Amino acid sequence: MNSYEIIKKPIITEKSMKLVEKGKYTFEVSKKATKIDVKKAIEEIFKVHVTDVNMINTLPKSKRVGRYTGFLPAQQKAVVTLAEGDKIDIYAK
């Protein structure tokens, strides 16, 4: 898999921005990706050193619009911890 196929997009929320202060960045990744794949992809794309990767599988979320119900798709997230001194400018890429 290509590095850009593994890393889909950064997740920018209030909670994830608080983690940035600790050197942790959150990304939505492919469902087939492993921790090793994510580590290599982040290091290749952003030219930083990754020390730890934590993966989170989210379940489909129920949504309702009027009388119609449906689901948002399940997704996989990765919280990546960088080496001290490294940082990613999420808004630049």
N, C-alpha and C. Protein backbone atom coordinates (compact mmCIF):
# COMPACT_ATOMS: atom_id res chain seq x y z
N MET A 1 0.83 -1.19 0.00
CA MET A 1 0.00 0.00 0.00
C MET A 1 0.87 1.25 0.00
N ASN A 2 0.42 2.25 -0.67
CA ASN A 2 1.08 3.55 -0.75
C ASN A 2 0.89 4.29 0.59
N SER A 3 1.86 5.11 0.96
CA SER A 3 1.78 5.86 2.22
C SER A 3 0.56 6.77 2.26
N TYR A 4 0.20 7.34 1.12
CA TYR A 4 -0.94 8.23 1.07
C TYR A 4 -2.27 7.47 1.07
N GLU A 5 -2.24 6.17 0.79
CA GLU A 5 -3.44 5.35 0.91
C GLU A 5 -3.65 4.91 2.37
N ILE A 6 -2.56 4.79 3.11
CA ILE A 6 -2.65 4.38 4.52
C ILE A 6 -3.17 5.53 5.36
N ILE A 7 -2.58 6.73 5.21
CA ILE A 7 -3.00 7.91 5.98
C ILE A 7 -4.06 8.65 5.16
N LYS A 8 -5.31 8.63 5.64
CA LYS A 8 -6.39 9.28 4.89
C LYS A 8 -6.43 10.78 5.16
N LYS A 9 -6.50 11.17 6.45
CA LYS A 9 -6.57 12.60 6.78
C LYS A 9 -6.28 12.78 8.26
N PRO A 10 -5.83 13.97 8.64
CA PRO A 10 -5.67 14.26 10.07
C PRO A 10 -7.04 14.52 10.71
N ILE A 11 -7.15 14.18 11.96
CA ILE A 11 -8.39 14.45 12.70
C ILE A 11 -8.12 15.67 13.57
N ILE A 12 -8.85 16.75 13.27
CA ILE A 12 -8.63 18.01 13.96
C ILE A 12 -9.87 18.32 14.79
N THR A 13 -9.80 17.99 16.08
CA THR A 13 -10.86 18.27 17.02
C THR A 13 -10.24 18.95 18.24
N GLU A 14 -11.07 19.38 19.13
CA GLU A 14 -10.58 20.05 20.34
C GLU A 14 -9.72 19.09 21.17
N LYS A 15 -10.17 17.85 21.27
CA LYS A 15 -9.43 16.85 22.05
C LYS A 15 -8.09 16.51 21.39
N SER A 16 -8.09 16.37 20.07
CA SER A 16 -6.84 16.02 19.40
C SER A 16 -5.84 17.17 19.41
N MET A 17 -6.33 18.40 19.43
CA MET A 17 -5.42 19.56 19.48
C MET A 17 -4.77 19.68 20.86
N LYS A 18 -5.43 19.20 21.91
CA LYS A 18 -4.80 19.18 23.23
C LYS A 18 -3.68 18.15 23.27
N LEU A 19 -3.84 17.05 22.51
CA LEU A 19 -2.80 16.03 22.45
C LEU A 19 -1.58 16.52 21.69
N VAL A 20 -1.76 17.47 20.77
CA VAL A 20 -0.63 18.01 20.00
C VAL A 20 0.38 18.66 20.93
N GLU A 21 -0.08 19.26 22.02
CA GLU A 21 0.82 19.87 23.00
C GLU A 21 1.74 18.84 23.64
N LYS A 22 1.30 17.58 23.68
CA LYS A 22 2.09 16.49 24.25
C LYS A 22 2.90 15.74 23.20
N GLY A 23 2.82 16.19 21.94
CA GLY A 23 3.57 15.53 20.86
C GLY A 23 2.84 14.36 20.25
N LYS A 24 1.49 14.32 20.41
CA LYS A 24 0.69 13.23 19.86
C LYS A 24 -0.24 13.79 18.78
N TYR A 25 -0.28 13.12 17.63
CA TYR A 25 -1.10 13.55 16.50
C TYR A 25 -2.06 12.45 16.12
N THR A 26 -3.29 12.82 15.75
CA THR A 26 -4.34 11.85 15.44
C THR A 26 -4.64 11.88 13.94
N PHE A 27 -4.71 10.69 13.34
CA PHE A 27 -5.00 10.55 11.92
C PHE A 27 -6.05 9.48 11.69
N GLU A 28 -6.86 9.66 10.64
CA GLU A 28 -7.73 8.58 10.19
C GLU A 28 -6.91 7.75 9.22
N VAL A 29 -6.91 6.43 9.43
CA VAL A 29 -6.08 5.54 8.61
C VAL A 29 -6.95 4.46 7.97
N SER A 30 -6.37 3.76 7.02
CA SER A 30 -7.05 2.67 6.33
C SER A 30 -7.37 1.55 7.31
N LYS A 31 -8.49 0.85 7.07
CA LYS A 31 -8.89 -0.26 7.94
C LYS A 31 -7.90 -1.41 7.88
N LYS A 32 -7.16 -1.54 6.77
CA LYS A 32 -6.22 -2.64 6.59
C LYS A 32 -4.83 -2.33 7.13
N ALA A 33 -4.61 -1.11 7.58
CA ALA A 33 -3.28 -0.68 8.03
C ALA A 33 -2.94 -1.25 9.41
N THR A 34 -1.66 -1.58 9.60
CA THR A 34 -1.17 -2.02 10.89
C THR A 34 -0.37 -0.89 11.53
N LYS A 35 0.06 -1.08 12.78
CA LYS A 35 0.85 -0.06 13.46
C LYS A 35 2.17 0.19 12.72
N ILE A 36 2.78 -0.86 12.22
CA ILE A 36 4.05 -0.72 11.50
C ILE A 36 3.85 0.06 10.21
N ASP A 37 2.75 -0.22 9.49
CA ASP A 37 2.44 0.52 8.26
C ASP A 37 2.26 2.00 8.54
N VAL A 38 1.51 2.31 9.61
CA VAL A 38 1.25 3.71 9.96
C VAL A 38 2.55 4.41 10.34
N LYS A 39 3.39 3.76 11.10
CA LYS A 39 4.67 4.35 11.52
C LYS A 39 5.53 4.69 10.31
N LYS A 40 5.66 3.74 9.38
CA LYS A 40 6.46 3.98 8.18
C LYS A 40 5.88 5.08 7.31
N ALA A 41 4.55 5.12 7.19
CA ALA A 41 3.89 6.13 6.36
C ALA A 41 4.09 7.53 6.94
N ILE A 42 3.92 7.69 8.24
CA ILE A 42 4.10 9.01 8.89
C ILE A 42 5.54 9.47 8.75
N GLU A 43 6.49 8.55 8.98
CA GLU A 43 7.90 8.92 8.86
C GLU A 43 8.26 9.30 7.43
N GLU A 44 7.66 8.63 6.44
CA GLU A 44 7.95 8.94 5.05
C GLU A 44 7.32 10.25 4.59
N ILE A 45 6.07 10.48 4.98
CA ILE A 45 5.35 11.68 4.52
C ILE A 45 5.86 12.94 5.20
N PHE A 46 6.02 12.91 6.53
CA PHE A 46 6.33 14.12 7.28
C PHE A 46 7.79 14.25 7.69
N LYS A 47 8.62 13.23 7.42
CA LYS A 47 10.06 13.26 7.74
C LYS A 47 10.31 13.53 9.22
N VAL A 48 9.63 12.75 10.09
CA VAL A 48 9.79 12.83 11.53
C VAL A 48 10.07 11.43 12.08
N HIS A 49 10.44 11.34 13.35
CA HIS A 49 10.70 10.05 13.98
C HIS A 49 9.53 9.71 14.91
N VAL A 50 8.88 8.56 14.66
CA VAL A 50 7.72 8.12 15.43
C VAL A 50 8.19 7.17 16.53
N THR A 51 7.77 7.43 17.78
CA THR A 51 8.16 6.55 18.88
C THR A 51 7.07 5.55 19.24
N ASP A 52 5.79 5.91 19.04
CA ASP A 52 4.70 5.03 19.44
C ASP A 52 3.48 5.27 18.57
N VAL A 53 2.71 4.20 18.33
CA VAL A 53 1.46 4.29 17.57
C VAL A 53 0.38 3.54 18.33
N ASN A 54 -0.74 4.19 18.58
CA ASN A 54 -1.91 3.57 19.21
C ASN A 54 -3.05 3.59 18.20
N MET A 55 -3.72 2.44 18.02
CA MET A 55 -4.80 2.32 17.05
C MET A 55 -6.14 2.23 17.78
N ILE A 56 -7.18 2.86 17.18
CA ILE A 56 -8.52 2.86 17.74
C ILE A 56 -9.49 2.50 16.63
N ASN A 57 -10.31 1.46 16.84
CA ASN A 57 -11.37 1.11 15.90
C ASN A 57 -12.68 1.67 16.41
N THR A 58 -13.34 2.49 15.61
CA THR A 58 -14.62 3.04 16.02
C THR A 58 -15.74 2.29 15.32
N LEU A 59 -16.86 2.14 16.00
CA LEU A 59 -18.02 1.45 15.45
C LEU A 59 -18.83 2.40 14.58
N PRO A 60 -19.70 1.86 13.70
CA PRO A 60 -20.57 2.74 12.93
C PRO A 60 -21.47 3.54 13.86
N LYS A 61 -21.67 4.80 13.54
CA LYS A 61 -22.44 5.69 14.41
C LYS A 61 -23.82 5.92 13.78
N SER A 62 -24.86 5.74 14.57
CA SER A 62 -26.22 5.91 14.10
C SER A 62 -26.54 7.40 13.95
N LYS A 63 -27.13 7.77 12.83
CA LYS A 63 -27.55 9.16 12.59
C LYS A 63 -28.98 9.16 12.09
N ARG A 64 -29.66 10.27 12.35
CA ARG A 64 -31.05 10.38 11.95
C ARG A 64 -31.29 11.76 11.35
N VAL A 65 -31.97 11.81 10.21
CA VAL A 65 -32.38 13.06 9.58
C VAL A 65 -33.88 12.95 9.34
N GLY A 66 -34.65 13.67 10.15
CA GLY A 66 -36.10 13.55 10.05
C GLY A 66 -36.54 12.15 10.43
N ARG A 67 -37.29 11.52 9.55
CA ARG A 67 -37.74 10.15 9.84
C ARG A 67 -36.81 9.09 9.28
N TYR A 68 -35.74 9.51 8.61
CA TYR A 68 -34.81 8.57 7.99
C TYR A 68 -33.62 8.31 8.91
N THR A 69 -33.27 7.06 9.06
CA THR A 69 -32.13 6.71 9.89
C THR A 69 -31.08 6.03 9.04
N GLY A 70 -29.85 6.13 9.47
CA GLY A 70 -28.75 5.51 8.76
C GLY A 70 -27.53 5.46 9.67
N PHE A 71 -26.40 5.10 9.09
CA PHE A 71 -25.18 4.98 9.86
C PHE A 71 -24.03 5.71 9.18
N LEU A 72 -23.18 6.34 9.99
CA LEU A 72 -21.90 6.82 9.50
C LEU A 72 -20.97 5.61 9.47
N PRO A 73 -20.06 5.54 8.53
CA PRO A 73 -19.21 4.35 8.43
C PRO A 73 -18.24 4.22 9.62
N ALA A 74 -17.85 2.98 9.89
CA ALA A 74 -16.83 2.72 10.91
C ALA A 74 -15.50 3.24 10.38
N GLN A 75 -14.62 3.62 11.28
CA GLN A 75 -13.31 4.11 10.86
C GLN A 75 -12.25 3.65 11.83
N GLN A 76 -11.01 3.74 11.40
CA GLN A 76 -9.88 3.40 12.25
C GLN A 76 -9.03 4.64 12.41
N LYS A 77 -8.67 4.94 13.68
CA LYS A 77 -7.85 6.11 13.97
C LYS A 77 -6.51 5.65 14.53
N ALA A 78 -5.50 6.48 14.32
CA ALA A 78 -4.18 6.22 14.88
C ALA A 78 -3.71 7.46 15.61
N VAL A 79 -3.27 7.27 16.86
CA VAL A 79 -2.66 8.34 17.64
C VAL A 79 -1.16 8.09 17.62
N VAL A 80 -0.42 9.00 16.99
CA VAL A 80 1.01 8.83 16.76
C VAL A 80 1.78 9.74 17.71
N THR A 81 2.71 9.15 18.45
CA THR A 81 3.58 9.91 19.35
C THR A 81 4.92 10.12 18.66
N LEU A 82 5.37 11.37 18.59
CA LEU A 82 6.62 11.70 17.93
C LEU A 82 7.75 11.81 18.95
N ALA A 83 8.97 11.70 18.45
CA ALA A 83 10.15 11.88 19.30
C ALA A 83 10.20 13.33 19.77
N GLU A 84 10.83 13.55 20.90
CA GLU A 84 10.91 14.89 21.46
C GLU A 84 11.67 15.81 20.50
N GLY A 85 11.10 16.97 20.25
CA GLY A 85 11.72 17.93 19.33
C GLY A 85 11.12 17.89 17.93
N ASP A 86 10.46 16.78 17.54
CA ASP A 86 9.80 16.68 16.24
C ASP A 86 8.37 17.22 16.35
N LYS A 87 7.88 17.79 15.27
CA LYS A 87 6.50 18.22 15.22
C LYS A 87 6.02 18.21 13.78
N ILE A 88 4.69 18.15 13.62
CA ILE A 88 4.05 18.15 12.31
C ILE A 88 3.18 19.37 12.23
N ASP A 89 3.31 20.12 11.15
CA ASP A 89 2.43 21.26 10.92
C ASP A 89 1.25 20.74 10.08
N ILE A 90 0.19 20.35 10.76
CA ILE A 90 -0.95 19.70 10.10
C ILE A 90 -1.59 20.62 9.06
N TYR A 91 -1.65 21.89 9.33
CA TYR A 91 -2.34 22.80 8.44
C TYR A 91 -1.56 23.07 7.15
N ALA A 92 -0.27 22.77 7.13
CA ALA A 92 0.55 23.04 5.94
C ALA A 92 0.37 21.97 4.87
N LYS A 93 0.08 20.72 5.25
CA LYS A 93 -0.02 19.63 4.29
C LYS A 93 -1.43 19.27 3.98
